[in-house]
Amino acid sequence: MEKMFRRFIAALIKTGSLEVETASGARYKFGDGSGKNVRLRFADKAAQTAVLLNPTLRFGELYMDGRVAVDEGTIYDALAVICQNIDHLERIWWLQALTTTRGRLQHIFKANSSVRARRNVAHHYDLDRRLYKLFLDDDMQYSCAYFENGAATLDDAQLAKKRHIAAKLMIEKGDRILDIGCGWGGLALYLARICGAKVTGITLSREQLAFARERAGEADQTSAIEFRLQDYREIDERFDKIVSVGMFEHVGPEFYSTYFQQVAKLLQPGGMALIHTIGSSRAQYEPDPWINKYIFPGGYIPALSTIMPAIERAGLYVTDVEVLRLHYAETLRAWRARFLAHRADAAALYDERFCRMWEYYLAASEAAFRYTGEVVFQIQLAKKVDAVPLTRDYMLRAEAELRRRDSAGSGLRIAG
């Protein structure tokens, strides 16, 4: 079995420098020797067999359990080498067949109905808020930041993200805005305080709802913002603008048509929407089994080719698409550094196995955005073809005005 295991690693790792110590104590080197050397150690033969049979799930589980150790480098370094060679993994036919079959079964048996969506959201977002405070920015933005320059801090970049989105929405004072998947309320607070909008934020997380309401009260914005525990499918009102940041990944392809038809239904005739979602540059994507089991059950990362048919069927116009490429990799790098700096605090909240799981999640996600074609799409939609100006200059002008407003006084830490 060890010989088969060694052949499998050799077929996978063609570039980079990976050294593997097996349970028998033998060491083997893989790759072309380029880059930083990484050394993994397998604690037992059963761990090697598990990776051989189901690598994308079992490698993460074995790391969580301490049965795979990183003796040289970090778990991020190891995952970076693996992700740089991911195309070789996809050429192993039986693994590809396993992944495809698993993905199809998920679509059939684990579609994100209203009941399942609430359960999936609770799995991740109803964790102790103190965990998220350990590694997020002051405004608790749990989505891709927007790094305008190399000197930007995480707080700078998250503020720039909110500004960038607000500029694309062309918000006027008094606009009614629906924030689908409002998180801990930071974007809604920005749109109300800086843009003068009336915001309805919805979430399926009780923890997020409670904290968002607390923040609205502290910021004296309860007359401008209403936060609700509500599914997007349950809304029956009209809004001037709709925004959704980091929520579409939880919709699932079975409900894309439902989602965009609901967006079209809820928008006023001259309304527009901005959907900010993780996306894949690959035409076909199956959910990572480890991420799906431990971090985001029911999650699905779409390609544009998967999203567009549902938008077209809903009768919406695509008025702008922007692809943010390495912005999320930089965001995750900052989150991972902050989490590791407060690892002892996380262990006090949960335990060592949880910390290993969370570090693996942040490291795997960063590596995916750097090396496997994951990006972020910002898709601007409208009910009418002439709802936005013919050129994109208006975005720059709006961002400049918003920068003037949010840099005056309390800008960076509104209700933080």
Protein backbone atom coordinates (compact mmCIF):
# COMPACT_ATOMS: atom_id res chain seq x y z
CA MET A 1 0.00 0.00 0.00
CA GLU A 2 2.92 2.37 0.71
CA LYS A 3 4.20 1.88 -2.82
CA MET A 4 0.79 2.81 -4.20
CA PHE A 5 0.67 5.82 -1.86
CA ARG A 6 4.09 6.98 -3.10
CA ARG A 7 2.99 6.62 -6.73
CA PHE A 8 -0.14 8.66 -6.02
CA ILE A 9 1.83 11.56 -4.50
CA ALA A 10 4.31 11.42 -7.38
CA ALA A 11 1.44 11.64 -9.90
CA LEU A 12 0.01 14.64 -8.05
CA ILE A 13 3.06 16.77 -7.18
CA LYS A 14 5.00 17.84 -10.29
CA THR A 15 6.05 21.36 -9.28
CA GLY A 16 7.22 22.71 -5.94
CA SER A 17 9.10 20.87 -3.24
CA LEU A 18 7.25 18.40 -1.03
CA GLU A 19 8.87 15.86 1.24
CA VAL A 20 6.74 13.13 2.81
CA GLU A 21 7.70 10.95 5.76
CA THR A 22 5.56 7.82 5.87
CA ALA A 23 4.45 5.87 8.93
CA SER A 24 7.34 3.46 8.38
CA GLY A 25 9.85 6.31 8.74
CA ALA A 26 10.83 6.40 5.05
CA ARG A 27 11.18 9.82 3.41
CA TYR A 28 10.40 10.65 -0.20
CA LYS A 29 10.76 13.88 -2.15
CA PHE A 30 8.29 15.02 -4.80
CA GLY A 31 8.13 17.91 -7.26
CA ASP A 32 10.81 19.74 -9.20
CA GLY A 33 12.53 21.19 -6.14
CA SER A 34 11.36 24.75 -6.76
CA GLY A 35 10.09 27.04 -4.05
CA LYS A 36 9.96 26.56 -0.31
CA ASN A 37 10.49 23.04 0.98
CA VAL A 38 7.56 21.51 2.84
CA ARG A 39 7.74 18.28 4.84
CA LEU A 40 4.69 16.25 5.90
CA ARG A 41 4.72 13.34 8.32
CA PHE A 42 2.03 10.65 8.42
CA ALA A 43 1.43 9.15 11.85
CA ASP A 44 0.04 5.78 10.76
CA LYS A 45 -0.55 3.61 7.72
CA ALA A 46 -4.31 4.05 7.96
CA ALA A 47 -3.83 7.79 7.45
CA GLN A 48 -1.93 7.13 4.22
CA THR A 49 -4.67 4.81 2.98
CA ALA A 50 -7.33 7.39 3.82
CA VAL A 51 -5.59 10.06 1.74
CA LEU A 52 -5.15 7.62 -1.11
CA LEU A 53 -8.86 6.79 -1.20
CA ASN A 54 -10.37 10.26 -0.62
CA PRO A 55 -7.68 12.96 -0.55
CA THR A 56 -9.84 16.08 -0.74
CA LEU A 57 -11.80 15.12 2.36
CA ARG A 58 -9.44 13.02 4.41
CA PHE A 59 -6.29 15.17 4.25
CA GLY A 60 -8.06 17.98 6.11
CA GLU A 61 -9.58 15.57 8.62
CA LEU A 62 -6.21 13.97 9.31
CA TYR A 63 -4.65 17.39 9.89
CA MET A 64 -7.46 18.26 12.32
CA ASP A 65 -6.82 14.99 14.19
CA GLY A 66 -3.04 15.45 14.28
CA ARG A 67 -2.40 12.34 12.18
CA VAL A 68 -0.71 14.45 9.50
CA ALA A 69 1.90 16.87 10.81
CA VAL A 70 3.76 19.64 9.00
CA ASP A 71 7.36 19.34 10.21
CA GLU A 72 8.80 21.94 7.83
CA GLY A 73 6.82 24.94 6.62
CA THR A 74 3.17 25.54 7.53
CA ILE A 75 -0.13 23.97 6.57
CA TYR A 76 -0.60 26.92 4.19
CA ASP A 77 2.72 26.10 2.51
CA ALA A 78 1.62 22.48 2.09
CA LEU A 79 -1.76 23.44 0.66
CA ALA A 80 -0.15 25.98 -1.67
CA VAL A 81 1.99 23.21 -3.18
CA ILE A 82 -1.06 20.96 -3.53
CA CYS A 83 -3.20 23.71 -5.10
CA GLN A 84 -0.48 24.57 -7.59
CA ASN A 85 -0.70 20.96 -8.76
CA ILE A 86 -4.48 20.63 -8.56
CA ASP A 87 -4.84 19.99 -12.30
CA HIS A 88 -2.93 16.74 -11.85
CA LEU A 89 -5.39 15.62 -9.19
CA GLU A 90 -8.26 16.25 -11.57
CA ARG A 91 -6.63 14.01 -14.18
CA ILE A 92 -6.89 10.99 -11.89
CA TRP A 93 -10.08 9.57 -13.36
CA TRP A 94 -11.41 7.65 -10.38
CA LEU A 95 -11.00 10.64 -8.07
CA GLN A 96 -12.74 12.88 -10.59
CA ALA A 97 -15.58 10.37 -10.84
CA LEU A 98 -15.87 10.30 -7.03
CA THR A 99 -15.99 14.10 -6.84
CA THR A 100 -18.59 14.41 -9.61
CA THR A 101 -20.80 11.72 -8.10
CA ARG A 102 -20.61 13.30 -4.66
CA GLY A 103 -21.49 16.70 -6.11
CA ARG A 104 -24.50 15.36 -7.97
CA LEU A 105 -25.79 13.58 -4.90
CA GLN A 106 -25.49 16.79 -2.93
CA HIS A 107 -27.56 18.63 -5.56
CA ILE A 108 -30.24 15.94 -5.29
CA PHE A 109 -30.39 15.31 -1.55
CA LYS A 110 -28.98 18.47 0.06
CA ALA A 111 -30.53 21.34 -1.89
CA ASN A 112 -30.84 24.55 0.14
CA SER A 113 -34.52 24.58 0.98
CA SER A 114 -35.62 27.19 3.52
CA VAL A 115 -35.31 24.71 6.39
CA ARG A 116 -31.93 23.36 5.33
CA ALA A 117 -30.63 26.87 4.58
CA ARG A 118 -31.34 27.95 8.16
CA ARG A 119 -29.55 24.88 9.51
CA ASN A 120 -26.55 25.40 7.23
CA VAL A 121 -26.24 29.06 8.19
CA ALA A 122 -26.41 28.23 11.91
CA HIS A 123 -23.57 25.70 11.48
CA HIS A 124 -21.10 28.45 10.60
CA TYR A 125 -22.46 31.88 11.46
CA ASP A 126 -23.91 31.09 14.88
CA LEU A 127 -20.51 30.37 16.35
CA ASP A 128 -19.41 32.56 19.24
CA ARG A 129 -19.01 36.11 17.92
CA ARG A 130 -15.82 36.42 19.95
CA LEU A 131 -14.18 34.00 17.52
CA TYR A 132 -14.87 36.31 14.58
CA LYS A 133 -13.65 39.34 16.52
CA LEU A 134 -10.27 37.62 16.83
CA PHE A 135 -9.49 37.88 13.12
CA LEU A 136 -11.93 40.19 11.30
CA ASP A 137 -11.60 43.96 10.90
CA ASP A 138 -13.22 46.39 13.34
CA ASP A 139 -16.43 46.49 11.28
CA MET A 140 -16.77 42.67 11.27
CA GLN A 141 -16.77 42.36 7.48
CA TYR A 142 -16.72 38.64 6.69
CA SER A 143 -16.27 38.82 2.91
CA CYS A 144 -13.66 39.80 0.34
CA ALA A 145 -12.03 43.18 0.98
CA TYR A 146 -11.03 45.60 -1.78
CA PHE A 147 -7.33 46.49 -1.67
CA GLU A 148 -6.94 49.77 -3.54
CA ASN A 149 -3.15 49.79 -3.04
CA GLY A 150 -0.36 47.76 -1.50
CA ALA A 151 -0.26 49.90 1.63
CA ALA A 152 -3.92 49.31 2.55
CA THR A 153 -4.64 47.66 5.88
CA LEU A 154 -7.46 45.18 6.30
CA ASP A 155 -9.64 47.92 7.80
CA ASP A 156 -8.80 50.23 4.87
CA ALA A 157 -9.67 47.53 2.36
CA GLN A 158 -12.97 46.59 3.98
CA LEU A 159 -14.03 50.22 4.07
CA ALA A 160 -13.03 50.52 0.40
CA LYS A 161 -15.19 47.45 -0.37
CA LYS A 162 -18.26 49.07 1.15
CA ARG A 163 -17.53 52.29 -0.69
CA HIS A 164 -17.01 50.45 -3.99
CA ILE A 165 -20.33 48.64 -3.66
CA ALA A 166 -22.22 51.77 -2.63
CA ALA A 167 -20.83 53.63 -5.66
CA LYS A 168 -22.07 50.93 -8.02
CA LEU A 169 -25.55 51.06 -6.47
CA MET A 170 -25.91 54.80 -7.20
CA ILE A 171 -27.66 55.30 -3.88
CA GLU A 172 -29.68 58.45 -3.36
CA LYS A 173 -30.82 59.76 0.02
CA GLY A 174 -34.00 58.01 1.10
CA ASP A 175 -33.56 54.99 -1.19
CA ARG A 176 -35.07 51.79 0.19
CA ILE A 177 -32.42 49.07 0.12
CA LEU A 178 -32.65 45.35 0.80
CA ASP A 179 -29.44 43.76 2.09
CA ILE A 180 -29.76 39.99 1.52
CA GLY A 181 -27.42 38.23 3.93
CA CYS A 182 -26.58 41.30 6.01
CA GLY A 183 -24.04 39.59 8.25
CA TRP A 184 -23.20 41.58 11.37
CA GLY A 185 -24.66 44.72 9.83
CA GLY A 186 -21.61 46.71 8.77
CA LEU A 187 -22.66 47.36 5.17
CA ALA A 188 -26.21 48.32 6.18
CA LEU A 189 -24.81 50.77 8.71
CA TYR A 190 -22.56 52.29 6.05
CA LEU A 191 -25.41 52.68 3.54
CA ALA A 192 -27.64 54.30 6.17
CA ARG A 193 -25.11 56.59 7.80
CA ILE A 194 -22.94 57.59 4.86
CA CYS A 195 -25.48 57.36 2.01
CA GLY A 196 -28.70 58.30 3.81
CA ALA A 197 -30.53 55.14 2.76
CA LYS A 198 -33.33 53.23 4.48
CA VAL A 199 -32.04 49.66 4.81
CA THR A 200 -33.72 46.34 5.50
CA GLY A 201 -31.14 43.69 6.33
CA ILE A 202 -32.06 40.01 6.41
CA THR A 203 -30.11 37.06 7.75
CA LEU A 204 -30.75 33.47 8.82
CA SER A 205 -28.22 33.68 11.66
CA ARG A 206 -29.63 34.47 15.10
CA GLU A 207 -26.18 35.47 16.34
CA GLN A 208 -25.65 37.89 13.48
CA LEU A 209 -29.14 39.31 13.90
CA ALA A 210 -28.64 40.03 17.59
CA PHE A 211 -25.29 41.71 17.06
CA ALA A 212 -26.49 43.74 14.05
CA ARG A 213 -29.42 45.06 16.07
CA GLU A 214 -27.11 45.97 18.94
CA ARG A 215 -24.89 47.91 16.57
CA ALA A 216 -27.80 49.76 14.97
CA GLY A 217 -28.91 50.87 18.42
CA GLU A 218 -25.43 51.98 19.45
CA ALA A 219 -25.10 53.97 16.20
CA ASP A 220 -28.55 55.56 16.69
CA GLN A 221 -29.67 54.17 13.33
CA THR A 222 -32.73 52.15 14.35
CA SER A 223 -35.04 54.52 12.46
CA ALA A 224 -33.05 53.98 9.25
CA ILE A 225 -32.26 50.27 9.54
CA GLU A 226 -34.37 47.20 10.23
CA PHE A 227 -32.69 43.84 10.70
CA ARG A 228 -34.80 40.68 10.35
CA LEU A 229 -34.42 36.92 10.69
CA GLN A 230 -35.86 36.10 7.29
CA ASP A 231 -35.24 34.03 4.17
CA TYR A 232 -34.97 35.91 0.89
CA ARG A 233 -37.82 33.81 -0.47
CA GLU A 234 -40.17 35.19 2.19
CA ILE A 235 -39.86 38.89 1.28
CA ASP A 236 -42.82 40.56 -0.42
CA GLU A 237 -41.98 44.27 -0.63
CA ARG A 238 -40.46 46.67 -3.17
CA PHE A 239 -37.02 48.24 -2.98
CA ASP A 240 -35.07 50.78 -4.97
CA LYS A 241 -31.85 48.81 -4.64
CA ILE A 242 -30.85 45.31 -3.59
CA VAL A 243 -27.39 44.31 -2.41
CA SER A 244 -26.07 40.89 -1.46
CA VAL A 245 -22.50 40.34 -0.30
CA GLY A 246 -21.16 36.86 0.40
CA MET A 247 -24.59 35.24 0.51
CA PHE A 248 -25.10 33.94 -3.03
CA GLU A 249 -22.56 31.17 -2.36
CA HIS A 250 -25.18 29.65 -0.03
CA VAL A 251 -28.10 29.71 -2.50
CA GLY A 252 -27.21 26.56 -4.46
CA PRO A 253 -27.67 26.12 -8.23
CA GLU A 254 -31.07 24.48 -7.75
CA PHE A 255 -32.40 27.82 -6.54
CA TYR A 256 -30.62 30.28 -8.85
CA SER A 257 -33.76 30.88 -10.90
CA THR A 258 -35.81 31.35 -7.72
CA TYR A 259 -33.23 33.78 -6.38
CA PHE A 260 -33.03 36.05 -9.43
CA GLN A 261 -36.77 35.93 -10.06
CA GLN A 262 -37.19 37.13 -6.49
CA VAL A 263 -34.66 39.92 -7.05
CA ALA A 264 -36.58 41.00 -10.15
CA LYS A 265 -39.90 40.85 -8.28
CA LEU A 266 -38.65 42.93 -5.32
CA LEU A 267 -37.04 45.71 -7.38
CA GLN A 268 -38.91 48.86 -8.30
CA PRO A 269 -39.25 49.35 -12.10
CA GLY A 270 -36.14 51.54 -12.21
CA GLY A 271 -34.31 49.55 -9.56
CA MET A 272 -30.91 47.90 -9.60
CA ALA A 273 -28.99 45.27 -7.66
CA LEU A 274 -25.39 44.37 -6.89
CA ILE A 275 -24.49 40.73 -6.24
CA HIS A 276 -21.04 40.18 -4.72
CA THR A 277 -20.15 36.48 -4.70
CA ILE A 278 -17.23 34.11 -4.71
CA GLY A 279 -16.98 32.55 -8.16
CA SER A 280 -14.98 30.04 -10.12
CA SER A 281 -13.02 30.64 -13.31
CA ARG A 282 -13.61 26.99 -14.14
CA ALA A 283 -16.63 25.97 -16.18
CA GLN A 284 -17.41 23.05 -13.88
CA TYR A 285 -17.12 23.15 -10.12
CA GLU A 286 -17.99 20.60 -7.47
CA PRO A 287 -17.98 21.66 -3.81
CA ASP A 288 -14.87 20.79 -1.83
CA PRO A 289 -16.00 17.93 0.42
CA TRP A 290 -13.98 19.04 3.45
CA ILE A 291 -15.21 22.66 3.26
CA ASN A 292 -18.74 21.41 2.67
CA LYS A 293 -18.68 19.08 5.66
CA TYR A 294 -16.93 21.21 8.25
CA ILE A 295 -17.21 24.87 7.24
CA PHE A 296 -19.97 25.75 4.76
CA PRO A 297 -22.51 22.93 4.38
CA GLY A 298 -24.64 23.52 1.29
CA GLY A 299 -22.15 25.96 -0.21
CA TYR A 300 -21.56 26.16 -3.94
CA ILE A 301 -19.15 28.39 -5.87
CA PRO A 302 -20.56 29.20 -9.32
CA ALA A 303 -18.97 30.02 -12.65
CA LEU A 304 -20.42 32.96 -14.56
CA SER A 305 -21.77 30.47 -17.08
CA THR A 306 -23.80 28.91 -14.26
CA ILE A 307 -25.23 32.21 -13.04
CA MET A 308 -26.08 33.98 -16.30
CA PRO A 309 -28.89 31.71 -17.57
CA ALA A 310 -30.86 32.27 -14.36
CA ILE A 311 -30.40 36.05 -14.65
CA GLU A 312 -31.61 35.96 -18.24
CA ARG A 313 -34.66 33.90 -17.32
CA ALA A 314 -35.54 36.46 -14.64
CA GLY A 315 -35.63 39.24 -17.24
CA LEU A 316 -32.85 41.27 -15.64
CA TYR A 317 -30.21 43.25 -17.50
CA VAL A 318 -26.56 42.68 -16.63
CA THR A 319 -25.23 46.25 -16.61
CA ASP A 320 -21.74 45.60 -15.23
CA VAL A 321 -19.51 42.69 -14.20
CA GLU A 322 -16.23 43.12 -12.32
CA VAL A 323 -13.89 40.28 -11.41
CA LEU A 324 -11.86 40.78 -8.25
CA ARG A 325 -9.01 38.32 -8.58
CA LEU A 326 -6.45 38.25 -5.76
CA HIS A 327 -8.32 40.54 -3.39
CA TYR A 328 -9.76 37.59 -1.46
CA ALA A 329 -6.38 35.88 -1.24
CA GLU A 330 -5.03 39.03 0.44
CA THR A 331 -8.08 39.21 2.70
CA LEU A 332 -7.60 35.61 3.80
CA ARG A 333 -3.88 36.16 4.33
CA ALA A 334 -4.74 38.96 6.77
CA TRP A 335 -7.42 36.88 8.50
CA ARG A 336 -5.08 33.92 8.87
CA ALA A 337 -2.31 36.08 10.36
CA ARG A 338 -4.75 37.59 12.84
CA PHE A 339 -6.20 34.23 13.78
CA LEU A 340 -2.76 32.74 14.41
CA ALA A 341 -1.83 35.75 16.54
CA HIS A 342 -4.90 35.02 18.72
CA ARG A 343 -4.83 31.25 18.47
CA ALA A 344 -4.68 30.77 22.25
CA ASP A 345 -7.86 32.84 22.62
CA ALA A 346 -9.60 30.67 20.01
CA ALA A 347 -8.50 27.52 21.84
CA ALA A 348 -9.96 28.93 25.05
CA LEU A 349 -13.28 29.43 23.28
CA TYR A 350 -13.28 25.99 21.64
CA ASP A 351 -10.38 23.50 21.60
CA GLU A 352 -7.19 22.53 19.79
CA ARG A 353 -8.96 20.46 17.15
CA PHE A 354 -11.20 23.41 16.31
CA CYS A 355 -8.14 25.66 15.95
CA ARG A 356 -6.51 23.20 13.57
CA MET A 357 -9.75 23.05 11.58
CA TRP A 358 -10.03 26.84 11.39
CA GLU A 359 -6.40 27.32 10.41
CA TYR A 360 -6.84 24.68 7.70
CA TYR A 361 -9.97 26.45 6.44
CA LEU A 362 -8.26 29.84 6.18
CA ALA A 363 -5.11 28.37 4.63
CA ALA A 364 -6.97 26.20 2.11
CA SER A 365 -9.18 29.12 1.09
CA GLU A 366 -6.24 31.46 0.56
CA ALA A 367 -4.39 28.85 -1.50
CA ALA A 368 -7.51 28.27 -3.60
CA PHE A 369 -7.81 31.97 -4.44
CA ARG A 370 -4.14 32.19 -5.32
CA TYR A 371 -3.77 29.04 -7.40
CA THR A 372 -7.02 27.34 -8.44
CA GLY A 373 -9.02 30.02 -10.24
CA GLU A 374 -11.37 31.16 -7.48
CA VAL A 375 -12.28 34.84 -7.75
CA VAL A 376 -15.02 37.24 -6.69
CA PHE A 377 -17.71 38.46 -9.08
CA GLN A 378 -19.54 41.75 -8.62
CA ILE A 379 -22.57 41.60 -10.90
CA GLN A 380 -24.66 44.73 -11.35
CA LEU A 381 -28.25 44.11 -12.46
CA ALA A 382 -31.12 46.39 -13.48
CA LYS A 383 -34.78 46.19 -14.43
CA LYS A 384 -34.25 48.65 -17.33
CA VAL A 385 -31.49 48.81 -19.92
CA ASP A 386 -30.92 52.53 -19.31
CA ALA A 387 -30.93 52.36 -15.51
CA VAL A 388 -27.22 53.24 -15.29
CA PRO A 389 -25.04 55.68 -17.29
CA LEU A 390 -23.44 54.48 -20.52
CA THR A 391 -19.90 54.69 -19.17
CA ARG A 392 -18.37 53.64 -15.85
CA ASP A 393 -17.14 57.14 -14.97
CA TYR A 394 -20.03 57.58 -12.55
CA MET A 395 -18.54 54.90 -10.28
CA LEU A 396 -15.30 56.84 -9.89
CA ARG A 397 -17.13 60.08 -9.16
CA ALA A 398 -19.36 58.35 -6.63
CA GLU A 399 -16.41 56.67 -4.91
CA ALA A 400 -14.61 60.00 -4.62
CA GLU A 401 -17.65 61.59 -2.97
CA LEU A 402 -18.13 58.63 -0.63
CA ARG A 403 -14.47 58.74 0.31
CA ARG A 404 -14.89 62.39 1.25
CA ARG A 405 -17.88 61.54 3.43
CA ASP A 406 -16.59 58.42 5.16
CA SER A 407 -13.16 59.91 5.85
CA ALA A 408 -14.73 62.84 7.68
CA GLY A 409 -15.12 62.08 11.35
CA SER A 410 -16.01 58.50 12.21
CA GLY A 411 -15.38 56.94 8.78
CA LEU A 412 -13.41 53.79 9.45
CA ARG A 413 -15.23 52.66 12.55
CA ILE A 414 -18.85 53.48 12.06
CA ALA A 415 -20.61 51.47 14.75
CA GLY A 416 -17.50 49.33 15.04
